[in-house]
Amino acid sequence: MKESMGNPLHLKSLNHISLVCRSVEESMNFYQDILGFAPIRRPGSFDFNGAWLFGYGIGIHLLQSEDPESLPKKKEINPKDNHISFQ
């Protein structure tokens, strides 16, 4: 952030990230069982499949792809691809 700009939007922290998934169920298992995130209630007004999880001060919103086969198949880790990193 530029010194002269200050913080005009008064941003404080990251609230959540949204990830489009091939399978919300499989993604939930990963974030819960491997990384320790907990599922939280999601508004019932949404008319699409998804799940919300929370942990370590971060929310993760999983969204079911309408066409999972159209998502690229990852065969290796590409450090230039979109990603999140936990410390």
N, C-alpha and C. Protein backbone atom coordinates (compact mmCIF):
# COMPACT_ATOMS: atom_id res chain seq x y z
N MET A 1 0.85 -1.17 0.00
CA MET A 1 0.00 0.00 0.00
C MET A 1 0.90 1.23 0.00
N LYS A 2 0.57 2.20 -0.80
CA LYS A 2 1.35 3.43 -0.87
C LYS A 2 1.16 4.22 0.41
N GLU A 3 2.24 4.79 0.89
CA GLU A 3 2.21 5.59 2.11
C GLU A 3 1.22 6.75 2.00
N SER A 4 1.23 7.44 0.86
CA SER A 4 0.42 8.64 0.71
C SER A 4 -1.08 8.34 0.61
N MET A 5 -1.44 7.12 0.22
CA MET A 5 -2.85 6.79 0.06
C MET A 5 -3.55 6.55 1.39
N GLY A 6 -2.81 6.09 2.39
CA GLY A 6 -3.45 5.72 3.64
C GLY A 6 -4.28 4.48 3.42
N ASN A 7 -5.42 4.42 4.05
CA ASN A 7 -6.31 3.27 3.93
C ASN A 7 -7.73 3.79 3.72
N PRO A 8 -8.03 4.34 2.54
CA PRO A 8 -9.32 5.00 2.33
C PRO A 8 -10.52 4.06 2.49
N LEU A 9 -10.34 2.77 2.29
CA LEU A 9 -11.45 1.83 2.44
C LEU A 9 -11.52 1.24 3.85
N HIS A 10 -10.56 1.56 4.69
CA HIS A 10 -10.50 1.07 6.07
C HIS A 10 -10.51 -0.46 6.13
N LEU A 11 -9.75 -1.09 5.23
CA LEU A 11 -9.65 -2.54 5.22
C LEU A 11 -8.91 -3.00 6.47
N LYS A 12 -9.40 -4.10 7.07
CA LYS A 12 -8.80 -4.60 8.30
C LYS A 12 -8.20 -5.98 8.13
N SER A 13 -8.86 -6.83 7.37
CA SER A 13 -8.36 -8.20 7.22
C SER A 13 -9.08 -8.88 6.07
N LEU A 14 -8.62 -10.08 5.75
CA LEU A 14 -9.28 -10.91 4.75
C LEU A 14 -10.49 -11.56 5.41
N ASN A 15 -11.66 -11.48 4.79
CA ASN A 15 -12.86 -12.10 5.33
C ASN A 15 -13.02 -13.52 4.83
N HIS A 16 -13.02 -13.70 3.51
CA HIS A 16 -13.17 -15.05 2.96
C HIS A 16 -12.63 -15.11 1.54
N ILE A 17 -12.45 -16.33 1.07
CA ILE A 17 -12.15 -16.56 -0.33
C ILE A 17 -13.24 -17.50 -0.86
N SER A 18 -13.54 -17.40 -2.14
CA SER A 18 -14.51 -18.30 -2.78
C SER A 18 -13.77 -19.14 -3.81
N LEU A 19 -14.06 -20.43 -3.79
CA LEU A 19 -13.42 -21.36 -4.71
C LEU A 19 -14.48 -22.17 -5.44
N VAL A 20 -14.43 -22.17 -6.76
CA VAL A 20 -15.32 -23.00 -7.57
C VAL A 20 -14.72 -24.41 -7.60
N CYS A 21 -15.54 -25.41 -7.29
CA CYS A 21 -15.05 -26.78 -7.11
C CYS A 21 -15.72 -27.76 -8.07
N ARG A 22 -14.98 -28.82 -8.40
CA ARG A 22 -15.58 -29.95 -9.12
C ARG A 22 -16.60 -30.65 -8.23
N SER A 23 -16.25 -30.79 -6.95
CA SER A 23 -17.10 -31.48 -5.98
C SER A 23 -17.01 -30.77 -4.65
N VAL A 24 -18.11 -30.14 -4.24
CA VAL A 24 -18.13 -29.46 -2.94
C VAL A 24 -17.88 -30.48 -1.83
N GLU A 25 -18.48 -31.66 -1.96
CA GLU A 25 -18.32 -32.71 -0.94
C GLU A 25 -16.85 -33.10 -0.76
N GLU A 26 -16.14 -33.37 -1.84
CA GLU A 26 -14.72 -33.74 -1.75
C GLU A 26 -13.88 -32.59 -1.22
N SER A 27 -14.19 -31.37 -1.65
CA SER A 27 -13.45 -30.21 -1.17
C SER A 27 -13.69 -29.98 0.32
N MET A 28 -14.94 -30.16 0.76
CA MET A 28 -15.24 -30.03 2.19
C MET A 28 -14.43 -31.03 3.01
N ASN A 29 -14.37 -32.27 2.52
CA ASN A 29 -13.59 -33.29 3.24
C ASN A 29 -12.14 -32.84 3.40
N PHE A 30 -11.55 -32.30 2.35
CA PHE A 30 -10.16 -31.83 2.42
C PHE A 30 -10.00 -30.72 3.45
N TYR A 31 -10.82 -29.67 3.34
CA TYR A 31 -10.66 -28.52 4.24
C TYR A 31 -10.99 -28.87 5.68
N GLN A 32 -11.93 -29.79 5.91
CA GLN A 32 -12.26 -30.22 7.27
C GLN A 32 -11.25 -31.22 7.81
N ASP A 33 -11.07 -32.32 7.11
CA ASP A 33 -10.29 -33.44 7.64
C ASP A 33 -8.78 -33.20 7.61
N ILE A 34 -8.29 -32.51 6.60
CA ILE A 34 -6.85 -32.30 6.47
C ILE A 34 -6.41 -30.98 7.11
N LEU A 35 -7.15 -29.90 6.83
CA LEU A 35 -6.73 -28.57 7.30
C LEU A 35 -7.43 -28.11 8.57
N GLY A 36 -8.50 -28.80 9.00
CA GLY A 36 -9.14 -28.47 10.27
C GLY A 36 -10.14 -27.33 10.24
N PHE A 37 -10.65 -26.95 9.07
CA PHE A 37 -11.70 -25.94 9.00
C PHE A 37 -13.02 -26.55 9.45
N ALA A 38 -13.90 -25.71 9.99
CA ALA A 38 -15.21 -26.18 10.46
C ALA A 38 -16.31 -25.63 9.57
N PRO A 39 -17.32 -26.46 9.24
CA PRO A 39 -18.43 -25.95 8.45
C PRO A 39 -19.26 -24.97 9.27
N ILE A 40 -19.74 -23.92 8.61
CA ILE A 40 -20.62 -22.96 9.27
C ILE A 40 -21.88 -22.81 8.42
N ARG A 41 -22.92 -22.25 9.05
CA ARG A 41 -24.20 -22.10 8.36
C ARG A 41 -24.07 -21.13 7.20
N ARG A 42 -24.71 -21.50 6.11
CA ARG A 42 -24.72 -20.70 4.89
C ARG A 42 -26.14 -20.18 4.69
N PRO A 43 -26.33 -18.96 4.21
CA PRO A 43 -27.69 -18.45 4.01
C PRO A 43 -28.53 -19.39 3.14
N GLY A 44 -29.74 -19.66 3.58
CA GLY A 44 -30.64 -20.55 2.84
C GLY A 44 -31.19 -19.92 1.58
N SER A 45 -30.97 -18.63 1.40
CA SER A 45 -31.51 -17.95 0.22
C SER A 45 -30.71 -18.23 -1.04
N PHE A 46 -29.51 -18.81 -0.90
CA PHE A 46 -28.72 -19.13 -2.09
C PHE A 46 -29.36 -20.29 -2.84
N ASP A 47 -29.46 -20.14 -4.16
CA ASP A 47 -30.09 -21.18 -4.98
C ASP A 47 -29.06 -22.00 -5.75
N PHE A 48 -27.86 -22.13 -5.20
CA PHE A 48 -26.81 -22.94 -5.83
C PHE A 48 -26.10 -23.73 -4.74
N ASN A 49 -25.52 -24.86 -5.14
CA ASN A 49 -24.85 -25.75 -4.22
C ASN A 49 -23.53 -25.15 -3.76
N GLY A 50 -23.29 -25.23 -2.48
CA GLY A 50 -22.04 -24.73 -1.94
C GLY A 50 -21.94 -25.01 -0.46
N ALA A 51 -20.85 -24.59 0.14
CA ALA A 51 -20.63 -24.77 1.58
C ALA A 51 -19.70 -23.67 2.07
N TRP A 52 -19.87 -23.32 3.33
CA TRP A 52 -19.00 -22.34 3.96
C TRP A 52 -18.25 -23.03 5.09
N LEU A 53 -16.97 -22.71 5.19
CA LEU A 53 -16.14 -23.22 6.28
C LEU A 53 -15.39 -22.06 6.90
N PHE A 54 -14.98 -22.25 8.15
CA PHE A 54 -14.25 -21.18 8.83
C PHE A 54 -13.16 -21.80 9.70
N GLY A 55 -12.03 -21.14 9.75
CA GLY A 55 -10.94 -21.56 10.63
C GLY A 55 -9.78 -20.60 10.52
N TYR A 56 -9.04 -20.47 11.62
CA TYR A 56 -7.83 -19.66 11.63
C TYR A 56 -8.09 -18.20 11.23
N GLY A 57 -9.32 -17.73 11.48
CA GLY A 57 -9.68 -16.36 11.15
C GLY A 57 -10.01 -16.14 9.68
N ILE A 58 -10.16 -17.23 8.92
CA ILE A 58 -10.42 -17.13 7.47
C ILE A 58 -11.67 -17.93 7.11
N GLY A 59 -12.52 -17.35 6.27
CA GLY A 59 -13.66 -18.07 5.73
C GLY A 59 -13.34 -18.62 4.35
N ILE A 60 -13.81 -19.82 4.07
CA ILE A 60 -13.67 -20.41 2.74
C ILE A 60 -15.06 -20.76 2.25
N HIS A 61 -15.43 -20.20 1.11
CA HIS A 61 -16.72 -20.48 0.49
C HIS A 61 -16.48 -21.40 -0.70
N LEU A 62 -17.04 -22.58 -0.64
CA LEU A 62 -16.91 -23.55 -1.73
C LEU A 62 -18.15 -23.48 -2.59
N LEU A 63 -17.98 -23.35 -3.88
CA LEU A 63 -19.09 -23.22 -4.82
C LEU A 63 -19.01 -24.36 -5.82
N GLN A 64 -20.11 -25.09 -5.97
CA GLN A 64 -20.15 -26.19 -6.92
C GLN A 64 -20.16 -25.65 -8.35
N SER A 65 -19.24 -26.12 -9.17
CA SER A 65 -19.21 -25.72 -10.58
C SER A 65 -20.46 -26.24 -11.27
N GLU A 66 -21.03 -25.42 -12.14
CA GLU A 66 -22.18 -25.87 -12.93
C GLU A 66 -21.75 -26.88 -13.98
N ASP A 67 -20.48 -26.84 -14.37
CA ASP A 67 -19.95 -27.77 -15.36
C ASP A 67 -18.57 -28.23 -14.91
N PRO A 68 -18.52 -29.19 -13.96
CA PRO A 68 -17.23 -29.60 -13.40
C PRO A 68 -16.23 -30.09 -14.43
N GLU A 69 -16.69 -30.69 -15.51
CA GLU A 69 -15.77 -31.21 -16.52
C GLU A 69 -15.06 -30.09 -17.29
N SER A 70 -15.61 -28.87 -17.23
CA SER A 70 -14.97 -27.75 -17.93
C SER A 70 -13.80 -27.16 -17.13
N LEU A 71 -13.70 -27.52 -15.85
CA LEU A 71 -12.59 -27.01 -15.04
C LEU A 71 -11.30 -27.72 -15.45
N PRO A 72 -10.19 -26.99 -15.48
CA PRO A 72 -8.93 -27.63 -15.86
C PRO A 72 -8.54 -28.72 -14.87
N LYS A 73 -8.01 -29.80 -15.38
CA LYS A 73 -7.54 -30.89 -14.52
C LYS A 73 -6.09 -30.60 -14.13
N LYS A 74 -5.85 -30.50 -12.83
CA LYS A 74 -4.52 -30.19 -12.31
C LYS A 74 -3.73 -31.48 -12.17
N LYS A 75 -2.60 -31.54 -12.84
CA LYS A 75 -1.74 -32.72 -12.74
C LYS A 75 -0.46 -32.43 -11.97
N GLU A 76 -0.16 -31.16 -11.81
CA GLU A 76 1.03 -30.77 -11.05
C GLU A 76 0.80 -29.38 -10.46
N ILE A 77 1.60 -29.04 -9.48
CA ILE A 77 1.50 -27.73 -8.84
C ILE A 77 2.21 -26.70 -9.71
N ASN A 78 1.49 -25.62 -10.03
CA ASN A 78 2.06 -24.53 -10.80
C ASN A 78 2.09 -23.29 -9.90
N PRO A 79 3.27 -22.83 -9.49
CA PRO A 79 3.34 -21.69 -8.58
C PRO A 79 2.80 -20.39 -9.18
N LYS A 80 2.58 -20.36 -10.50
CA LYS A 80 2.03 -19.16 -11.14
C LYS A 80 0.51 -19.22 -11.26
N ASP A 81 -0.11 -20.32 -10.82
CA ASP A 81 -1.56 -20.48 -10.88
C ASP A 81 -2.18 -19.81 -9.64
N ASN A 82 -3.48 -19.54 -9.69
CA ASN A 82 -4.17 -19.02 -8.51
C ASN A 82 -4.00 -20.00 -7.36
N HIS A 83 -3.72 -19.47 -6.18
CA HIS A 83 -3.57 -20.35 -5.03
C HIS A 83 -3.68 -19.53 -3.74
N ILE A 84 -3.85 -20.25 -2.64
CA ILE A 84 -3.79 -19.64 -1.32
C ILE A 84 -2.68 -20.36 -0.55
N SER A 85 -2.12 -19.68 0.42
CA SER A 85 -1.02 -20.26 1.20
C SER A 85 -1.31 -20.04 2.68
N PHE A 86 -1.16 -21.09 3.46
CA PHE A 86 -1.36 -21.00 4.90
C PHE A 86 -0.01 -21.09 5.60
N GLN A 87 0.11 -20.40 6.72
CA GLN A 87 1.36 -20.39 7.45
C GLN A 87 1.17 -21.03 8.80
